[in-house]
Structures are given as C-alpha cells and as structure tokens.
C-alpha cells in the first residue's frame, strides 16, 4: 500500500508533535533531577541547610503531584495543545525565576512553580496518544515518552554537575 502525499504530511506532522512532547517531558525529568546534582553549589552559594535542600527538592514534587488531578480536567476541558502551551510557559517562567533567585525563598518559589509548569509534560502526550492514535501507536508513543524522560534524568545529573559555576 502506498502512502498519499497527505499521509506523508500527516506522518511528518506526527513526528514533529512527538518531538515537541518528548522535549517537554525531557525538560520535566531534567528539572526533577537537577536539584540533587547541583546540591553542592546550592549549599555553597546560598548557605542552604540539608533540611532546606530537601524542602527545595520536595517542593517540586509536591506541586507536581497536587496538579495531577486538575491537569486531567484541564486537558479534557481545554485540549492538549492549549494546556501544554500554558504549562510549558509556566515552566519557562519558573526557570527564569530560579536563575534570578538570590535567596532560598526565591529558589523555593521557583521550584514550586516549576512543578506546576511541568505537571502536564507526561499526561498531555499520553492524552494526545489516546485521542489521536491507534492502540498500537499509543504503545510506541508511550515508550518514546518514557525514553525521553529517562534521557532527561541523565541530562539532569552529570552534565548539570559539569556546568561552570559563576
């Protein structure tokens, strides 16, 4: 069976959408792991105690977890595209806030916002796969998303540790 030009275009569009979803989930996973990798820098530059460091890491997870149920309703109500655009915009804002932070409170607030911002990065592609693809394609897409997340965790460790300190 030959593909028509419109099928080929849909295939290319599907790959592009997959890359966008994968990049978002990679970022989500990288943000999850980077606190542990950069802990020595945080304790030196911000005089953060071990308890504060734990709170900093936990704030991301808490806000991420709190957003999971509302995120499902938002995805169903507003659609994958709109929710992911807003979600990733919040994540980008949180990264700028984190980079500009000059205190533990600034870091903490940015991490809370970061968890909110990336909370759609896995559920949005899974929802899109459920809505837009066949069951066989869903399994493949879900596998690619999990691989992107694992790659994000890898980037959040050693490469992040090797960044030059200001």
N, C-alpha and C. Protein backbone atom coordinates (compact mmCIF):
# COMPACT_ATOMS: atom_id res chain seq x y z
N UNK A 1 0.84 -1.18 0.00
CA UNK A 1 0.00 0.00 0.00
C UNK A 1 0.88 1.25 0.00
N UNK A 2 0.62 2.14 -0.90
CA UNK A 2 1.41 3.38 -0.99
C UNK A 2 0.77 4.48 -0.16
N UNK A 3 1.63 5.34 0.32
CA UNK A 3 1.15 6.50 1.07
C UNK A 3 0.85 7.63 0.10
N UNK A 4 -0.25 8.31 0.35
CA UNK A 4 -0.55 9.50 -0.44
C UNK A 4 0.24 10.67 0.14
N UNK A 5 0.40 11.76 -0.62
CA UNK A 5 1.11 12.93 -0.08
C UNK A 5 0.53 13.42 1.24
N UNK A 6 -0.80 13.34 1.37
CA UNK A 6 -1.40 13.82 2.62
C UNK A 6 -1.02 12.90 3.79
N UNK A 7 -0.87 11.57 3.53
CA UNK A 7 -0.43 10.65 4.57
C UNK A 7 0.99 10.96 5.00
N UNK A 8 1.84 11.28 4.03
CA UNK A 8 3.23 11.62 4.34
C UNK A 8 3.30 12.89 5.16
N UNK A 9 2.49 13.87 4.81
CA UNK A 9 2.45 15.12 5.57
C UNK A 9 2.00 14.86 6.99
N UNK A 10 0.97 14.04 7.15
CA UNK A 10 0.49 13.71 8.48
C UNK A 10 1.59 13.00 9.28
N UNK A 11 2.35 12.14 8.61
CA UNK A 11 3.44 11.44 9.29
C UNK A 11 4.50 12.40 9.78
N UNK A 12 4.88 13.37 8.93
CA UNK A 12 5.88 14.36 9.32
C UNK A 12 5.36 15.24 10.46
N UNK A 13 4.08 15.60 10.38
CA UNK A 13 3.48 16.39 11.44
C UNK A 13 3.46 15.60 12.75
N UNK A 14 3.16 14.32 12.65
CA UNK A 14 3.15 13.46 13.83
C UNK A 14 4.52 13.37 14.48
N UNK A 15 5.57 13.26 13.67
CA UNK A 15 6.93 13.22 14.20
C UNK A 15 7.26 14.55 14.87
N UNK A 16 6.87 15.65 14.26
CA UNK A 16 7.13 16.97 14.84
C UNK A 16 6.43 17.11 16.19
N UNK A 17 5.17 16.69 16.26
CA UNK A 17 4.42 16.75 17.51
C UNK A 17 5.07 15.85 18.56
N UNK A 18 5.51 14.67 18.16
CA UNK A 18 6.20 13.75 19.07
C UNK A 18 7.46 14.39 19.63
N UNK A 19 8.22 15.07 18.80
CA UNK A 19 9.45 15.73 19.25
C UNK A 19 9.13 16.83 20.26
N UNK A 20 8.09 17.60 20.02
CA UNK A 20 7.68 18.65 20.97
C UNK A 20 7.29 18.02 22.31
N UNK A 21 6.47 16.99 22.27
CA UNK A 21 6.07 16.32 23.51
C UNK A 21 7.28 15.74 24.23
N UNK A 22 8.16 15.09 23.47
CA UNK A 22 9.35 14.47 24.08
C UNK A 22 10.25 15.53 24.71
N UNK A 23 10.41 16.67 24.05
CA UNK A 23 11.24 17.75 24.59
C UNK A 23 10.64 18.27 25.90
N UNK A 24 9.34 18.40 25.96
CA UNK A 24 8.69 18.86 27.19
C UNK A 24 8.88 17.88 28.33
N UNK A 25 8.73 16.60 28.05
CA UNK A 25 8.90 15.60 29.11
C UNK A 25 10.36 15.45 29.50
N UNK A 26 11.27 15.60 28.55
CA UNK A 26 12.70 15.58 28.85
C UNK A 26 13.03 16.73 29.81
N UNK A 27 12.51 17.91 29.53
CA UNK A 27 12.71 19.07 30.41
C UNK A 27 12.14 18.78 31.80
N UNK A 28 10.96 18.21 31.85
CA UNK A 28 10.34 17.88 33.13
C UNK A 28 11.23 16.97 33.96
N UNK A 29 11.75 15.94 33.35
CA UNK A 29 12.61 15.00 34.06
C UNK A 29 13.94 15.62 34.43
N UNK A 30 14.46 16.47 33.56
CA UNK A 30 15.72 17.13 33.87
C UNK A 30 15.55 18.06 35.06
N UNK A 31 14.48 18.81 35.10
CA UNK A 31 14.22 19.69 36.23
C UNK A 31 14.03 18.90 37.52
N UNK A 32 13.50 17.70 37.39
CA UNK A 32 13.30 16.84 38.56
C UNK A 32 14.63 16.43 39.18
N UNK A 33 15.61 16.11 38.35
CA UNK A 33 16.86 15.58 38.86
C UNK A 33 17.96 16.59 39.13
N UNK A 34 17.80 17.79 38.64
CA UNK A 34 18.90 18.75 38.69
C UNK A 34 19.20 19.25 40.11
N UNK A 35 18.23 19.27 40.99
CA UNK A 35 18.46 19.75 42.34
C UNK A 35 19.50 18.90 43.06
N UNK A 36 19.40 17.59 42.92
CA UNK A 36 20.37 16.72 43.57
C UNK A 36 21.76 16.90 42.97
N UNK A 37 21.83 17.06 41.67
CA UNK A 37 23.13 17.22 41.01
C UNK A 37 23.81 18.53 41.41
N UNK A 38 23.03 19.55 41.60
CA UNK A 38 23.59 20.87 41.92
C UNK A 38 23.56 21.20 43.41
N UNK A 39 23.24 20.22 44.25
CA UNK A 39 23.16 20.45 45.70
C UNK A 39 24.42 21.09 46.28
N UNK A 40 25.61 20.63 45.92
CA UNK A 40 26.80 21.28 46.49
C UNK A 40 26.88 22.78 46.15
N UNK A 41 26.50 23.14 44.96
CA UNK A 41 26.52 24.55 44.57
C UNK A 41 25.50 25.36 45.38
N UNK A 42 24.29 24.78 45.57
CA UNK A 42 23.27 25.48 46.34
C UNK A 42 23.71 25.70 47.79
N UNK A 43 24.31 24.68 48.38
CA UNK A 43 24.72 24.82 49.78
C UNK A 43 25.85 25.84 49.92
N UNK A 44 26.70 25.95 48.91
CA UNK A 44 27.80 26.91 48.95
C UNK A 44 27.32 28.33 48.67
N UNK A 45 26.61 28.52 47.56
CA UNK A 45 26.24 29.87 47.13
C UNK A 45 25.10 30.48 47.93
N UNK A 46 24.20 29.64 48.45
CA UNK A 46 23.03 30.17 49.14
C UNK A 46 23.01 29.83 50.63
N UNK A 47 24.04 29.14 51.11
CA UNK A 47 24.12 28.72 52.51
C UNK A 47 22.86 27.96 52.92
N UNK A 48 22.45 27.03 52.06
CA UNK A 48 21.24 26.25 52.30
C UNK A 48 21.60 25.05 53.18
N UNK A 49 20.78 24.80 54.20
CA UNK A 49 20.98 23.65 55.08
C UNK A 49 20.47 22.39 54.38
N UNK A 50 20.85 21.22 54.89
CA UNK A 50 20.32 19.98 54.31
C UNK A 50 18.79 19.92 54.35
N UNK A 51 18.20 20.43 55.41
CA UNK A 51 16.73 20.45 55.51
C UNK A 51 16.12 21.34 54.42
N UNK A 52 16.72 22.49 54.20
CA UNK A 52 16.22 23.38 53.16
C UNK A 52 16.41 22.77 51.78
N UNK A 53 17.51 22.06 51.60
CA UNK A 53 17.75 21.39 50.32
C UNK A 53 16.68 20.33 50.06
N UNK A 54 16.33 19.59 51.09
CA UNK A 54 15.25 18.61 50.96
C UNK A 54 13.92 19.27 50.66
N UNK A 55 13.66 20.40 51.31
CA UNK A 55 12.43 21.15 51.05
C UNK A 55 12.41 21.68 49.62
N UNK A 56 13.55 22.11 49.15
CA UNK A 56 13.66 22.61 47.78
C UNK A 56 13.33 21.52 46.77
N UNK A 57 13.89 20.33 46.98
CA UNK A 57 13.58 19.21 46.08
C UNK A 57 12.14 18.77 46.23
N UNK A 58 11.65 18.72 47.45
CA UNK A 58 10.28 18.27 47.69
C UNK A 58 9.23 19.22 47.18
N UNK A 59 9.54 20.51 47.12
CA UNK A 59 8.56 21.48 46.65
C UNK A 59 8.16 21.20 45.20
N UNK A 60 9.12 20.79 44.40
CA UNK A 60 8.84 20.43 43.01
C UNK A 60 7.86 19.27 42.96
N UNK A 61 8.16 18.21 43.73
CA UNK A 61 7.32 17.02 43.72
C UNK A 61 5.93 17.31 44.26
N UNK A 62 5.84 18.11 45.32
CA UNK A 62 4.54 18.42 45.91
C UNK A 62 3.64 19.17 44.93
N UNK A 63 4.18 20.21 44.31
CA UNK A 63 3.35 20.98 43.37
C UNK A 63 3.01 20.15 42.14
N UNK A 64 3.94 19.32 41.69
CA UNK A 64 3.69 18.43 40.56
C UNK A 64 2.54 17.48 40.89
N UNK A 65 2.60 16.86 42.07
CA UNK A 65 1.59 15.89 42.47
C UNK A 65 0.22 16.54 42.65
N UNK A 66 0.21 17.71 43.27
CA UNK A 66 -1.05 18.41 43.51
C UNK A 66 -1.76 18.74 42.19
N UNK A 67 -0.99 18.98 41.15
CA UNK A 67 -1.57 19.37 39.86
C UNK A 67 -2.07 18.20 39.01
N UNK A 68 -1.80 16.96 39.38
CA UNK A 68 -2.15 15.86 38.51
C UNK A 68 -3.65 15.71 38.29
N UNK A 69 -4.46 15.75 39.32
CA UNK A 69 -5.90 15.62 39.11
C UNK A 69 -6.49 16.83 38.37
N UNK A 70 -6.17 18.05 38.78
CA UNK A 70 -6.70 19.18 38.00
C UNK A 70 -6.20 19.17 36.55
N UNK A 71 -4.98 18.67 36.33
CA UNK A 71 -4.43 18.66 34.97
C UNK A 71 -5.26 17.77 34.05
N UNK A 72 -5.74 16.66 34.56
CA UNK A 72 -6.61 15.80 33.74
C UNK A 72 -7.87 16.53 33.31
N UNK A 73 -8.47 17.24 34.25
CA UNK A 73 -9.69 18.01 33.92
C UNK A 73 -9.38 19.13 32.94
N UNK A 74 -8.23 19.80 33.12
CA UNK A 74 -7.85 20.87 32.20
C UNK A 74 -7.60 20.33 30.79
N UNK A 75 -6.93 19.19 30.70
CA UNK A 75 -6.67 18.59 29.38
C UNK A 75 -7.97 18.20 28.69
N UNK A 76 -8.90 17.64 29.44
CA UNK A 76 -10.19 17.27 28.86
C UNK A 76 -11.01 18.50 28.49
N UNK A 77 -10.92 19.54 29.29
CA UNK A 77 -11.74 20.72 29.07
C UNK A 77 -11.20 21.67 28.01
N UNK A 78 -9.88 21.85 27.95
CA UNK A 78 -9.29 22.84 27.05
C UNK A 78 -8.46 22.25 25.92
N UNK A 79 -8.15 20.98 25.99
CA UNK A 79 -7.38 20.33 24.94
C UNK A 79 -5.90 20.29 25.23
N UNK A 80 -5.25 19.34 24.63
CA UNK A 80 -3.83 19.08 24.87
C UNK A 80 -2.97 20.27 24.47
N UNK A 81 -3.21 20.80 23.30
CA UNK A 81 -2.37 21.88 22.78
C UNK A 81 -2.39 23.11 23.68
N UNK A 82 -3.56 23.58 24.01
CA UNK A 82 -3.67 24.80 24.83
C UNK A 82 -3.08 24.60 26.22
N UNK A 83 -3.38 23.47 26.84
CA UNK A 83 -2.88 23.22 28.19
C UNK A 83 -1.36 23.09 28.19
N UNK A 84 -0.81 22.40 27.21
CA UNK A 84 0.65 22.22 27.18
C UNK A 84 1.36 23.54 26.90
N UNK A 85 0.80 24.38 26.07
CA UNK A 85 1.41 25.69 25.81
C UNK A 85 1.47 26.52 27.10
N UNK A 86 0.37 26.57 27.82
CA UNK A 86 0.34 27.32 29.08
C UNK A 86 1.27 26.68 30.10
N UNK A 87 1.22 25.37 30.19
CA UNK A 87 2.04 24.65 31.16
C UNK A 87 3.53 24.88 30.91
N UNK A 88 3.97 24.76 29.68
CA UNK A 88 5.38 24.96 29.37
C UNK A 88 5.80 26.42 29.51
N UNK A 89 4.85 27.33 29.31
CA UNK A 89 5.15 28.75 29.55
C UNK A 89 5.41 29.00 31.03
N UNK A 90 4.61 28.36 31.88
CA UNK A 90 4.83 28.46 33.33
C UNK A 90 6.18 27.85 33.70
N UNK A 91 6.51 26.72 33.08
CA UNK A 91 7.80 26.07 33.35
C UNK A 91 8.96 26.98 32.94
N UNK A 92 8.84 27.62 31.80
CA UNK A 92 9.90 28.54 31.34
C UNK A 92 10.04 29.71 32.31
N UNK A 93 8.92 30.27 32.73
CA UNK A 93 8.95 31.36 33.70
C UNK A 93 9.64 30.92 34.98
N UNK A 94 9.34 29.71 35.43
CA UNK A 94 9.95 29.21 36.67
C UNK A 94 11.46 29.07 36.52
N UNK A 95 11.92 28.69 35.35
CA UNK A 95 13.37 28.56 35.11
C UNK A 95 14.05 29.92 35.18
N UNK A 96 13.42 30.94 34.61
CA UNK A 96 13.97 32.29 34.69
C UNK A 96 13.99 32.78 36.13
N UNK A 97 12.91 32.50 36.85
CA UNK A 97 12.85 32.90 38.26
C UNK A 97 13.93 32.20 39.08
N UNK A 98 14.14 30.93 38.80
CA UNK A 98 15.15 30.16 39.53
C UNK A 98 16.54 30.73 39.25
N UNK A 99 16.80 31.05 38.00
CA UNK A 99 18.11 31.60 37.64
C UNK A 99 18.35 32.97 38.27
N UNK A 100 17.29 33.73 38.47
CA UNK A 100 17.42 35.07 39.03
C UNK A 100 17.33 35.10 40.55
N UNK A 101 17.00 33.96 41.16
CA UNK A 101 16.81 33.92 42.61
C UNK A 101 18.10 34.28 43.34
N UNK A 102 17.92 35.02 44.42
CA UNK A 102 19.07 35.42 45.24
C UNK A 102 18.95 34.92 46.67
N UNK A 103 17.92 34.13 46.95
CA UNK A 103 17.71 33.62 48.29
C UNK A 103 17.03 32.26 48.22
N UNK A 104 16.98 31.62 49.38
CA UNK A 104 16.27 30.34 49.45
C UNK A 104 14.80 30.52 49.09
N UNK A 105 14.19 31.59 49.56
CA UNK A 105 12.77 31.83 49.27
C UNK A 105 12.53 31.95 47.77
N UNK A 106 13.41 32.62 47.06
CA UNK A 106 13.28 32.73 45.61
C UNK A 106 13.43 31.39 44.92
N UNK A 107 14.41 30.60 45.38
CA UNK A 107 14.60 29.26 44.82
C UNK A 107 13.37 28.39 45.09
N UNK A 108 12.85 28.47 46.32
CA UNK A 108 11.70 27.67 46.72
C UNK A 108 10.47 28.01 45.88
N UNK A 109 10.18 29.28 45.73
CA UNK A 109 9.03 29.70 44.92
C UNK A 109 9.16 29.26 43.47
N UNK A 110 10.36 29.38 42.93
CA UNK A 110 10.58 28.97 41.54
C UNK A 110 10.40 27.46 41.38
N UNK A 111 10.86 26.69 42.37
CA UNK A 111 10.70 25.23 42.30
C UNK A 111 9.24 24.83 42.41
N UNK A 112 8.48 25.51 43.27
CA UNK A 112 7.04 25.24 43.34
C UNK A 112 6.39 25.48 41.99
N UNK A 113 6.70 26.60 41.39
CA UNK A 113 6.13 26.95 40.09
C UNK A 113 6.60 25.98 39.01
N UNK A 114 7.82 25.51 39.14
CA UNK A 114 8.37 24.55 38.18
C UNK A 114 7.55 23.26 38.17
N UNK A 115 7.20 22.76 39.34
CA UNK A 115 6.38 21.55 39.42
C UNK A 115 5.02 21.74 38.78
N UNK A 116 4.44 22.91 38.98
CA UNK A 116 3.16 23.22 38.35
C UNK A 116 3.34 23.27 36.83
N UNK A 117 4.40 23.92 36.39
CA UNK A 117 4.62 24.11 34.96
C UNK A 117 4.85 22.84 34.18
N UNK A 118 5.55 21.89 34.78
CA UNK A 118 5.84 20.66 34.02
C UNK A 118 4.86 19.52 34.33
N UNK A 119 3.84 19.82 35.11
CA UNK A 119 2.90 18.76 35.51
C UNK A 119 2.12 18.16 34.34
N UNK A 120 2.07 18.84 33.22
CA UNK A 120 1.34 18.30 32.05
C UNK A 120 2.26 17.59 31.07
N UNK A 121 3.55 17.58 31.34
CA UNK A 121 4.50 17.12 30.33
C UNK A 121 4.46 15.62 30.02
N UNK A 122 3.94 14.81 30.90
CA UNK A 122 3.75 13.40 30.57
C UNK A 122 2.29 13.11 30.25
N UNK A 123 1.39 13.66 31.04
CA UNK A 123 -0.02 13.34 30.84
C UNK A 123 -0.57 13.91 29.53
N UNK A 124 -0.04 15.05 29.08
CA UNK A 124 -0.50 15.63 27.81
C UNK A 124 -0.19 14.72 26.62
N UNK A 125 1.05 14.22 26.48
CA UNK A 125 1.29 13.31 25.35
C UNK A 125 0.52 11.99 25.47
N UNK A 126 0.31 11.51 26.69
CA UNK A 126 -0.47 10.28 26.84
C UNK A 126 -1.92 10.53 26.46
N UNK A 127 -2.44 11.69 26.80
CA UNK A 127 -3.80 12.05 26.41
C UNK A 127 -3.89 12.21 24.90
N UNK A 128 -2.91 12.88 24.30
CA UNK A 128 -2.89 13.05 22.85
C UNK A 128 -2.83 11.70 22.15
N UNK A 129 -2.01 10.81 22.67
CA UNK A 129 -1.91 9.47 22.07
C UNK A 129 -3.25 8.75 22.14
N UNK A 130 -3.94 8.89 23.25
CA UNK A 130 -5.24 8.24 23.42
C UNK A 130 -6.26 8.81 22.44
N UNK A 131 -6.19 10.11 22.21
CA UNK A 131 -7.18 10.76 21.35
C UNK A 131 -6.85 10.68 19.87
N UNK A 132 -5.56 10.70 19.53
CA UNK A 132 -5.16 10.88 18.14
C UNK A 132 -4.60 9.64 17.46
N UNK A 133 -4.34 8.56 18.19
CA UNK A 133 -3.66 7.43 17.57
C UNK A 133 -4.38 6.11 17.86
N UNK A 134 -3.96 5.08 17.14
CA UNK A 134 -4.48 3.73 17.36
C UNK A 134 -3.81 3.13 18.59
N UNK A 135 -4.38 2.06 19.15
CA UNK A 135 -3.75 1.44 20.32
C UNK A 135 -2.29 1.01 20.08
N UNK A 136 -1.98 0.48 18.92
CA UNK A 136 -0.59 0.09 18.64
C UNK A 136 0.34 1.30 18.61
N UNK A 137 -0.14 2.39 18.04
CA UNK A 137 0.67 3.61 18.00
C UNK A 137 0.81 4.22 19.39
N UNK A 138 -0.22 4.07 20.23
CA UNK A 138 -0.17 4.59 21.59
C UNK A 138 0.98 3.93 22.37
N UNK A 139 1.12 2.64 22.22
CA UNK A 139 2.19 1.93 22.93
C UNK A 139 3.56 2.45 22.50
N UNK A 140 3.73 2.66 21.22
CA UNK A 140 5.00 3.18 20.71
C UNK A 140 5.27 4.59 21.23
N UNK A 141 4.26 5.45 21.17
CA UNK A 141 4.40 6.82 21.66
C UNK A 141 4.71 6.83 23.15
N UNK A 142 4.02 6.01 23.92
CA UNK A 142 4.27 5.95 25.36
C UNK A 142 5.70 5.50 25.64
N UNK A 143 6.22 4.57 24.87
CA UNK A 143 7.61 4.12 25.04
C UNK A 143 8.59 5.25 24.74
N UNK A 144 8.32 6.00 23.68
CA UNK A 144 9.19 7.13 23.34
C UNK A 144 9.17 8.19 24.44
N UNK A 145 8.01 8.41 25.03
CA UNK A 145 7.92 9.40 26.11
C UNK A 145 8.73 8.94 27.32
N UNK A 146 8.63 7.67 27.67
CA UNK A 146 9.40 7.16 28.81
C UNK A 146 10.90 7.26 28.53
N UNK A 147 11.29 7.01 27.30
CA UNK A 147 12.71 7.14 26.95
C UNK A 147 13.15 8.61 27.07
N UNK A 148 12.32 9.54 26.63
CA UNK A 148 12.66 10.96 26.74
C UNK A 148 12.80 11.35 28.20
N UNK A 149 11.94 10.83 29.06
CA UNK A 149 12.04 11.13 30.48
C UNK A 149 13.31 10.58 31.09
N UNK A 150 13.69 9.37 30.71
CA UNK A 150 14.94 8.79 31.21
C UNK A 150 16.14 9.60 30.74
N UNK A 151 16.10 10.05 29.51
CA UNK A 151 17.18 10.88 28.98
C UNK A 151 17.26 12.20 29.74
N UNK A 152 16.13 12.77 30.09
CA UNK A 152 16.10 13.99 30.88
C UNK A 152 16.74 13.80 32.24
N UNK A 153 16.51 12.65 32.86
CA UNK A 153 17.15 12.37 34.15
C UNK A 153 18.66 12.26 34.00
N UNK A 154 19.10 11.67 32.90
CA UNK A 154 20.55 11.58 32.65
C UNK A 154 21.13 12.98 32.48
N UNK A 155 20.46 13.83 31.70
CA UNK A 155 20.95 15.20 31.49
C UNK A 155 20.91 16.00 32.79
N UNK A 156 20.02 15.65 33.69
CA UNK A 156 19.91 16.36 34.95
C UNK A 156 21.00 16.02 35.95
N UNK A 157 21.83 15.02 35.63
CA UNK A 157 22.86 14.62 36.59
C UNK A 157 24.23 15.08 36.14
N UNK A 158 25.01 14.20 35.56
CA UNK A 158 26.41 14.50 35.24
C UNK A 158 26.59 15.75 34.37
N UNK A 159 25.85 15.92 33.27
CA UNK A 159 26.04 17.16 32.51
C UNK A 159 25.76 18.41 33.34
N UNK A 160 24.76 18.35 34.23
CA UNK A 160 24.46 19.50 35.07
C UNK A 160 25.56 19.76 36.09
N UNK A 161 26.14 18.69 36.61
CA UNK A 161 27.25 18.83 37.57
C UNK A 161 28.47 19.47 36.94
N UNK A 162 28.65 19.26 35.65
CA UNK A 162 29.85 19.76 34.98
C UNK A 162 29.71 21.20 34.48
N UNK A 163 28.55 21.83 34.70
CA UNK A 163 28.38 23.24 34.29
C UNK A 163 29.33 24.12 35.10
N UNK A 164 29.91 25.11 34.43
CA UNK A 164 30.81 26.00 35.18
C UNK A 164 30.02 26.82 36.20
N UNK A 165 30.61 27.02 37.35
CA UNK A 165 29.96 27.80 38.39
C UNK A 165 30.31 29.27 38.24
N UNK A 166 29.33 30.12 38.45
CA UNK A 166 29.52 31.55 38.29
C UNK A 166 30.32 32.14 39.44
